[in-house]
Amino acid sequence: PDRSTTLPVNSCSLAELEALAQAHNPTLIQAQAQVDAARGAAYQAGLKPNPVMGYKADQIGIEGTAGELQGAFVSQEIVTGGKLKLSRAKWTQQMCIAETNLQAQCTRVLNDVQIHYYRTLAAQQLLAVQEQLLANAEDNLQTHQEMFNLGQTNQSGLLQAEVDLQKVRLTLQTAENDLEQEWRELVAMVGVPELACTTLIGSLEPQSELLDWNTVLNQLLESSPEIVAAWERVQHDEITVEREKVQPIPNVLLNVDFGHNYETDNSVAGVSVGLPIPIFDRNQGTVDQALADLNQSRANVKRLELSLMSRLSHTY
């Protein structure tokens, strides 16, 4: 996120606060870091194993000689069965999940910013009303004092006007405290605690028509980041199952050595190829575990759909 966004000075709108939240809210920075980490893991998972190079000598020190053979070797593991491709695909899918979670977190942050924005805007407008009521109460007290001097009201009426003025002052103080509290919660959600209290621009009147239940529900089930991430998790676990199934396919271990045979005074080379035989360990347990995780992910999609319906019902 771009953290160079300038801070509003005299007044700010909802759009400006949302831009600040997208640039400074630490949860979005954390979610972006998870995307970057998954991208790096996906790249790493598809890399081939490094070769091994070393020095080799046989029968050193026989009759004071340097040995029968002096040379070097190169060893390379050749990964088979498409394991690297499947490993990279699995982590790439994990990156997609992280990107969807980033989108979901961004939506949560913007929703929270909107909620606190309208609460603060309401507190701001309520304070303005209380300030006007205070002016009216002060005028009312002045009027009663003049009427008392002219004998048009009694001491009781004057005292009642003073009590009313004190009540309005206390209500005004409460409104000021409420505005300060709402503003602090707003700037904490935005992620810029040093943002000075300014005048919010906007209206409390709704600007859209009432939402239809079926339309909103269908839209939520089709585009909710939680559902999208759940289906991406299913795809991730499907790839994991395929990856674990090919794990028993043996990797080829290729070894090439070369050097000089001092006994025959010849340059020699050798090649050896080996591979593990999957007789006892065929990765059965890990495959069963991956299948269980896949079934759990598929059930989680249905659980999320029902949970979203319940949460939408409460909000609607």
Protein backbone atom coordinates (compact mmCIF):
# COMPACT_ATOMS: atom_id res chain seq x y z
CA PRO A 1 0.00 0.00 0.00
CA ASP A 2 1.00 3.58 -0.65
CA ARG A 3 1.87 5.16 2.74
CA SER A 4 2.55 8.60 1.27
CA THR A 5 -1.09 9.71 1.35
CA THR A 6 -1.37 13.30 2.64
CA LEU A 7 -3.42 13.98 5.75
CA PRO A 8 -6.54 16.19 5.54
CA VAL A 9 -6.24 19.55 7.32
CA ASN A 10 -9.52 21.46 7.60
CA SER A 11 -12.07 18.86 6.59
CA CYS A 12 -12.18 15.34 5.21
CA SER A 13 -14.63 13.10 3.42
CA LEU A 14 -15.36 9.40 3.67
CA ALA A 15 -13.34 8.76 0.51
CA GLU A 16 -10.26 10.45 2.02
CA LEU A 17 -10.56 8.41 5.21
CA GLU A 18 -10.91 5.19 3.19
CA ALA A 19 -7.77 6.08 1.21
CA LEU A 20 -5.88 6.70 4.46
CA ALA A 21 -7.07 3.35 5.85
CA GLN A 22 -5.94 1.50 2.73
CA ALA A 23 -2.51 3.08 3.04
CA HIS A 24 -1.97 2.90 6.82
CA ASN A 25 -4.12 0.21 8.42
CA PRO A 26 -1.62 -2.35 9.78
CA THR A 27 -3.88 -5.35 9.14
CA LEU A 28 -3.76 -4.63 5.40
CA ILE A 29 0.03 -4.40 5.55
CA GLN A 30 0.09 -7.79 7.30
CA ALA A 31 -2.25 -9.32 4.71
CA GLN A 32 -0.08 -7.98 1.87
CA ALA A 33 2.99 -9.48 3.55
CA GLN A 34 1.25 -12.87 3.60
CA VAL A 35 0.66 -12.57 -0.15
CA ASP A 36 4.33 -11.76 -0.72
CA ALA A 37 5.41 -14.66 1.49
CA ALA A 38 3.19 -17.12 -0.39
CA ARG A 39 4.53 -15.82 -3.71
CA GLY A 40 8.09 -16.45 -2.54
CA ALA A 41 7.17 -19.92 -1.28
CA ALA A 42 5.55 -20.76 -4.64
CA TYR A 43 8.70 -19.75 -6.48
CA GLN A 44 10.90 -21.74 -4.11
CA ALA A 45 8.73 -24.87 -4.28
CA GLY A 46 9.34 -25.27 -8.03
CA LEU A 47 13.13 -25.01 -7.97
CA LYS A 48 15.23 -28.06 -8.81
CA PRO A 49 17.57 -29.52 -6.17
CA ASN A 50 21.13 -28.24 -6.24
CA PRO A 51 23.89 -30.56 -7.48
CA VAL A 52 26.52 -31.81 -5.06
CA MET A 53 30.20 -31.58 -5.98
CA GLY A 54 33.06 -33.05 -3.99
CA TYR A 55 36.48 -34.65 -3.83
CA LYS A 56 36.96 -38.39 -4.00
CA ALA A 57 40.01 -40.54 -3.20
CA ASP A 58 40.41 -44.31 -2.76
CA GLN A 59 43.06 -46.33 -0.91
CA ILE A 60 45.05 -43.37 0.30
CA GLY A 61 48.38 -44.18 1.95
CA ILE A 62 48.97 -47.72 0.64
CA GLU A 63 52.77 -48.15 0.52
CA GLY A 64 53.13 -44.43 0.98
CA THR A 65 51.25 -43.57 -2.21
CA ALA A 66 48.65 -40.89 -2.79
CA GLY A 67 46.07 -43.59 -3.39
CA GLU A 68 44.75 -45.65 -6.23
CA LEU A 69 42.27 -43.00 -7.38
CA GLN A 70 42.25 -39.24 -7.01
CA GLY A 71 39.37 -37.26 -8.49
CA ALA A 72 36.03 -35.55 -8.03
CA PHE A 73 32.36 -36.37 -8.27
CA VAL A 74 29.11 -34.63 -9.17
CA SER A 75 25.79 -35.86 -7.78
CA GLN A 76 22.36 -34.70 -8.88
CA GLU A 77 18.88 -35.68 -7.74
CA ILE A 78 16.40 -35.74 -10.63
CA VAL A 79 12.87 -35.11 -9.38
CA THR A 80 10.29 -37.21 -11.23
CA GLY A 81 6.52 -37.50 -11.39
CA GLY A 82 5.93 -33.78 -11.87
CA LYS A 83 6.47 -33.17 -8.14
CA LEU A 84 8.03 -29.74 -8.61
CA LYS A 85 5.19 -28.57 -10.87
CA LEU A 86 2.56 -29.77 -8.42
CA SER A 87 4.41 -28.24 -5.46
CA ARG A 88 4.57 -24.88 -7.20
CA ALA A 89 0.89 -25.15 -8.18
CA LYS A 90 -0.03 -25.87 -4.56
CA TRP A 91 1.80 -22.83 -3.25
CA THR A 92 0.52 -20.69 -6.10
CA GLN A 93 -2.98 -21.60 -4.98
CA GLN A 94 -1.97 -20.63 -1.46
CA MET A 95 -0.95 -17.24 -2.84
CA CYS A 96 -4.41 -16.91 -4.44
CA ILE A 97 -5.97 -17.62 -1.05
CA ALA A 98 -3.76 -14.95 0.53
CA GLU A 99 -4.80 -12.45 -2.15
CA THR A 100 -8.47 -13.20 -1.51
CA ASN A 101 -7.90 -12.82 2.24
CA LEU A 102 -6.27 -9.45 1.52
CA GLN A 103 -9.36 -8.40 -0.43
CA ALA A 104 -11.60 -9.61 2.40
CA GLN A 105 -9.58 -7.73 5.00
CA CYS A 106 -9.70 -4.59 2.88
CA THR A 107 -13.49 -4.90 2.74
CA ARG A 108 -13.66 -5.35 6.52
CA VAL A 109 -11.47 -2.31 7.11
CA LEU A 110 -13.50 -0.13 4.74
CA ASN A 111 -16.75 -1.31 6.33
CA ASP A 112 -15.45 -0.46 9.79
CA VAL A 113 -14.22 2.92 8.59
CA GLN A 114 -17.67 3.67 7.15
CA ILE A 115 -19.38 2.64 10.39
CA HIS A 116 -17.13 4.83 12.54
CA TYR A 117 -17.31 7.65 9.99
CA TYR A 118 -21.11 7.84 10.21
CA ARG A 119 -21.03 7.53 14.00
CA THR A 120 -18.56 10.40 14.18
CA LEU A 121 -20.57 12.42 11.65
CA ALA A 122 -23.71 11.89 13.76
CA ALA A 123 -21.83 12.95 16.91
CA GLN A 124 -20.54 16.01 15.06
CA GLN A 125 -24.04 17.04 13.95
CA LEU A 126 -25.45 16.33 17.40
CA LEU A 127 -22.82 18.61 18.92
CA ALA A 128 -23.85 21.36 16.50
CA VAL A 129 -27.48 20.95 17.62
CA GLN A 130 -26.46 21.12 21.28
CA GLU A 131 -24.46 24.29 20.63
CA GLN A 132 -27.56 25.85 19.10
CA LEU A 133 -29.66 24.72 22.06
CA LEU A 134 -27.08 26.30 24.40
CA ALA A 135 -27.40 29.61 22.56
CA ASN A 136 -31.19 29.37 22.87
CA ALA A 137 -30.94 28.58 26.60
CA GLU A 138 -28.62 31.55 27.15
CA ASP A 139 -31.08 33.83 25.31
CA ASN A 140 -33.93 32.38 27.37
CA LEU A 141 -32.08 33.14 30.63
CA GLN A 142 -31.33 36.69 29.49
CA THR A 143 -34.98 37.15 28.60
CA HIS A 144 -36.10 35.90 32.03
CA GLN A 145 -33.63 38.24 33.75
CA GLU A 146 -35.05 41.20 31.85
CA MET A 147 -38.59 40.05 32.62
CA PHE A 148 -37.67 39.65 36.29
CA ASN A 149 -36.28 43.18 36.39
CA LEU A 150 -39.51 44.46 34.89
CA GLY A 151 -41.60 42.40 37.30
CA GLN A 152 -43.05 40.23 34.54
CA THR A 153 -41.84 36.97 36.11
CA ASN A 154 -40.97 35.75 39.58
CA GLN A 155 -37.84 34.30 41.18
CA SER A 156 -39.01 30.77 40.44
CA GLY A 157 -39.21 31.40 36.70
CA LEU A 158 -35.69 32.89 36.70
CA LEU A 159 -34.26 29.94 38.62
CA GLN A 160 -35.92 27.48 36.24
CA ALA A 161 -34.27 29.24 33.30
CA GLU A 162 -30.89 28.95 35.04
CA VAL A 163 -31.48 25.22 35.69
CA ASP A 164 -32.43 24.67 32.05
CA LEU A 165 -29.25 26.43 30.96
CA GLN A 166 -27.13 24.24 33.23
CA LYS A 167 -28.78 21.08 31.86
CA VAL A 168 -28.02 22.16 28.30
CA ARG A 169 -24.39 22.88 29.23
CA LEU A 170 -24.04 19.38 30.71
CA THR A 171 -25.63 17.84 27.62
CA LEU A 172 -23.25 19.84 25.45
CA GLN A 173 -20.28 18.56 27.47
CA THR A 174 -21.52 15.00 26.97
CA ALA A 175 -21.85 15.60 23.23
CA GLU A 176 -18.28 16.95 23.10
CA ASN A 177 -17.01 13.87 24.94
CA ASP A 178 -18.94 11.56 22.62
CA LEU A 179 -17.48 13.27 19.55
CA GLU A 180 -13.95 12.98 20.94
CA GLN A 181 -14.47 9.28 21.67
CA GLU A 182 -15.91 8.56 18.21
CA TRP A 183 -13.08 10.47 16.54
CA ARG A 184 -10.41 8.52 18.44
CA GLU A 185 -12.04 5.23 17.42
CA LEU A 186 -12.22 6.44 13.82
CA VAL A 187 -8.55 7.43 13.56
CA ALA A 188 -7.54 4.16 15.26
CA MET A 189 -9.45 2.23 12.59
CA VAL A 190 -7.91 4.35 9.84
CA GLY A 191 -4.46 3.66 11.29
CA VAL A 192 -3.39 7.32 11.63
CA PRO A 193 -3.64 8.21 15.34
CA GLU A 194 -1.93 11.57 14.77
CA LEU A 195 -4.79 12.74 12.55
CA ALA A 196 -6.23 15.90 14.14
CA CYS A 197 -9.96 16.22 14.66
CA THR A 198 -11.45 17.89 11.58
CA THR A 199 -14.88 18.58 10.17
CA LEU A 200 -16.36 15.57 8.39
CA ILE A 201 -18.07 16.16 5.07
CA GLY A 202 -21.13 14.07 4.31
CA SER A 203 -24.77 13.38 4.97
CA LEU A 204 -26.56 10.92 7.24
CA GLU A 205 -29.36 10.47 4.73
CA PRO A 206 -29.24 7.15 2.81
CA GLN A 207 -28.26 7.56 -0.84
CA SER A 208 -29.43 4.19 -2.13
CA GLU A 209 -32.68 2.27 -2.29
CA LEU A 210 -33.58 -0.50 0.12
CA LEU A 211 -31.92 -3.81 -0.70
CA ASP A 212 -33.86 -6.91 -1.73
CA TRP A 213 -33.14 -10.01 0.38
CA ASN A 214 -32.81 -12.53 -2.46
CA THR A 215 -30.66 -10.20 -4.55
CA VAL A 216 -28.29 -9.46 -1.69
CA LEU A 217 -28.09 -13.11 -0.62
CA ASN A 218 -27.25 -14.33 -4.14
CA GLN A 219 -24.67 -11.59 -4.56
CA LEU A 220 -23.12 -12.43 -1.19
CA LEU A 221 -22.88 -16.17 -1.89
CA GLU A 222 -21.38 -15.54 -5.34
CA SER A 223 -18.83 -12.84 -4.54
CA SER A 224 -18.10 -13.01 -0.80
CA PRO A 225 -14.31 -13.18 -0.30
CA GLU A 226 -14.88 -15.78 2.42
CA ILE A 227 -16.65 -18.10 -0.03
CA VAL A 228 -14.08 -17.42 -2.74
CA ALA A 229 -11.23 -18.20 -0.34
CA ALA A 230 -13.02 -21.38 0.80
CA TRP A 231 -13.33 -22.64 -2.79
CA GLU A 232 -9.68 -21.74 -3.40
CA ARG A 233 -8.82 -23.79 -0.32
CA VAL A 234 -10.71 -26.73 -1.87
CA GLN A 235 -8.64 -26.37 -5.05
CA HIS A 236 -5.48 -26.12 -2.94
CA ASP A 237 -6.33 -29.36 -1.13
CA GLU A 238 -7.16 -31.10 -4.42
CA ILE A 239 -3.69 -30.21 -5.71
CA THR A 240 -2.22 -31.38 -2.40
CA VAL A 241 -3.87 -34.79 -2.84
CA GLU A 242 -2.38 -35.12 -6.33
CA ARG A 243 1.01 -34.03 -5.02
CA GLU A 244 1.00 -36.59 -2.23
CA LYS A 245 -0.08 -39.35 -4.61
CA VAL A 246 3.01 -38.86 -6.80
CA GLN A 247 5.35 -38.62 -3.80
CA PRO A 248 6.16 -42.39 -3.88
CA ILE A 249 7.46 -42.14 -7.46
CA PRO A 250 11.21 -42.53 -6.92
CA ASN A 251 13.54 -39.65 -7.72
CA VAL A 252 16.60 -40.63 -9.74
CA LEU A 253 19.95 -40.18 -7.98
CA LEU A 254 22.64 -39.65 -10.62
CA ASN A 255 26.31 -39.69 -9.63
CA VAL A 256 29.26 -39.03 -11.95
CA ASP A 257 32.83 -39.37 -10.73
CA PHE A 258 36.11 -38.86 -12.59
CA GLY A 259 39.79 -38.76 -11.74
CA HIS A 260 43.19 -40.38 -12.25
CA ASN A 261 44.05 -43.97 -11.40
CA TYR A 262 47.63 -43.88 -10.19
CA GLU A 263 47.95 -47.67 -10.20
CA THR A 264 47.32 -47.95 -13.94
CA ASP A 265 48.27 -44.33 -14.72
CA ASN A 266 44.96 -43.77 -16.54
CA SER A 267 42.24 -41.13 -16.37
CA VAL A 268 38.98 -42.82 -15.41
CA ALA A 269 35.32 -41.93 -14.98
CA GLY A 270 32.30 -43.67 -13.54
CA VAL A 271 28.55 -43.28 -13.47
CA SER A 272 26.08 -44.61 -10.93
CA VAL A 273 22.32 -44.32 -10.93
CA GLY A 274 20.11 -45.17 -7.99
CA LEU A 275 16.55 -44.75 -6.85
CA PRO A 276 14.65 -45.66 -3.68
CA ILE A 277 12.18 -48.53 -4.01
CA PRO A 278 8.76 -47.66 -2.44
CA ILE A 279 8.10 -51.06 -0.88
CA PHE A 280 7.14 -50.13 2.68
CA ASP A 281 6.56 -46.37 2.58
CA ARG A 282 4.24 -45.41 -0.26
CA ASN A 283 3.10 -42.21 1.47
CA GLN A 284 -0.23 -43.86 2.31
CA GLY A 285 -0.80 -42.00 5.56
CA THR A 286 -0.08 -38.57 4.09
CA VAL A 287 -2.45 -39.26 1.19
CA ASP A 288 -5.21 -40.22 3.65
CA GLN A 289 -4.53 -37.05 5.61
CA ALA A 290 -4.72 -34.93 2.43
CA LEU A 291 -8.03 -36.56 1.48
CA ALA A 292 -9.42 -35.84 4.94
CA ASP A 293 -8.33 -32.19 4.65
CA LEU A 294 -10.05 -32.01 1.25
CA ASN A 295 -13.33 -33.34 2.69
CA GLN A 296 -13.07 -30.84 5.52
CA SER A 297 -12.52 -27.97 3.06
CA ARG A 298 -15.56 -28.97 1.01
CA ALA A 299 -17.72 -29.11 4.13
CA ASN A 300 -16.36 -25.73 5.19
CA VAL A 301 -17.78 -24.14 2.04
CA LYS A 302 -21.29 -25.25 3.01
CA ARG A 303 -20.73 -24.11 6.59
CA LEU A 304 -19.67 -20.66 5.39
CA GLU A 305 -22.71 -20.35 3.13
CA LEU A 306 -25.04 -21.07 6.06
CA SER A 307 -23.05 -18.76 8.34
CA LEU A 308 -23.22 -15.92 5.82
CA MET A 309 -26.97 -16.42 5.43
CA SER A 310 -27.41 -16.23 9.20
CA ARG A 311 -25.22 -13.14 9.54
CA LEU A 312 -26.95 -11.44 6.62
CA SER A 313 -30.35 -12.19 8.16
CA HIS A 314 -29.32 -10.42 11.36
CA THR A 315 -27.88 -7.41 9.50
CA TYR A 316 -30.74 -7.24 6.98
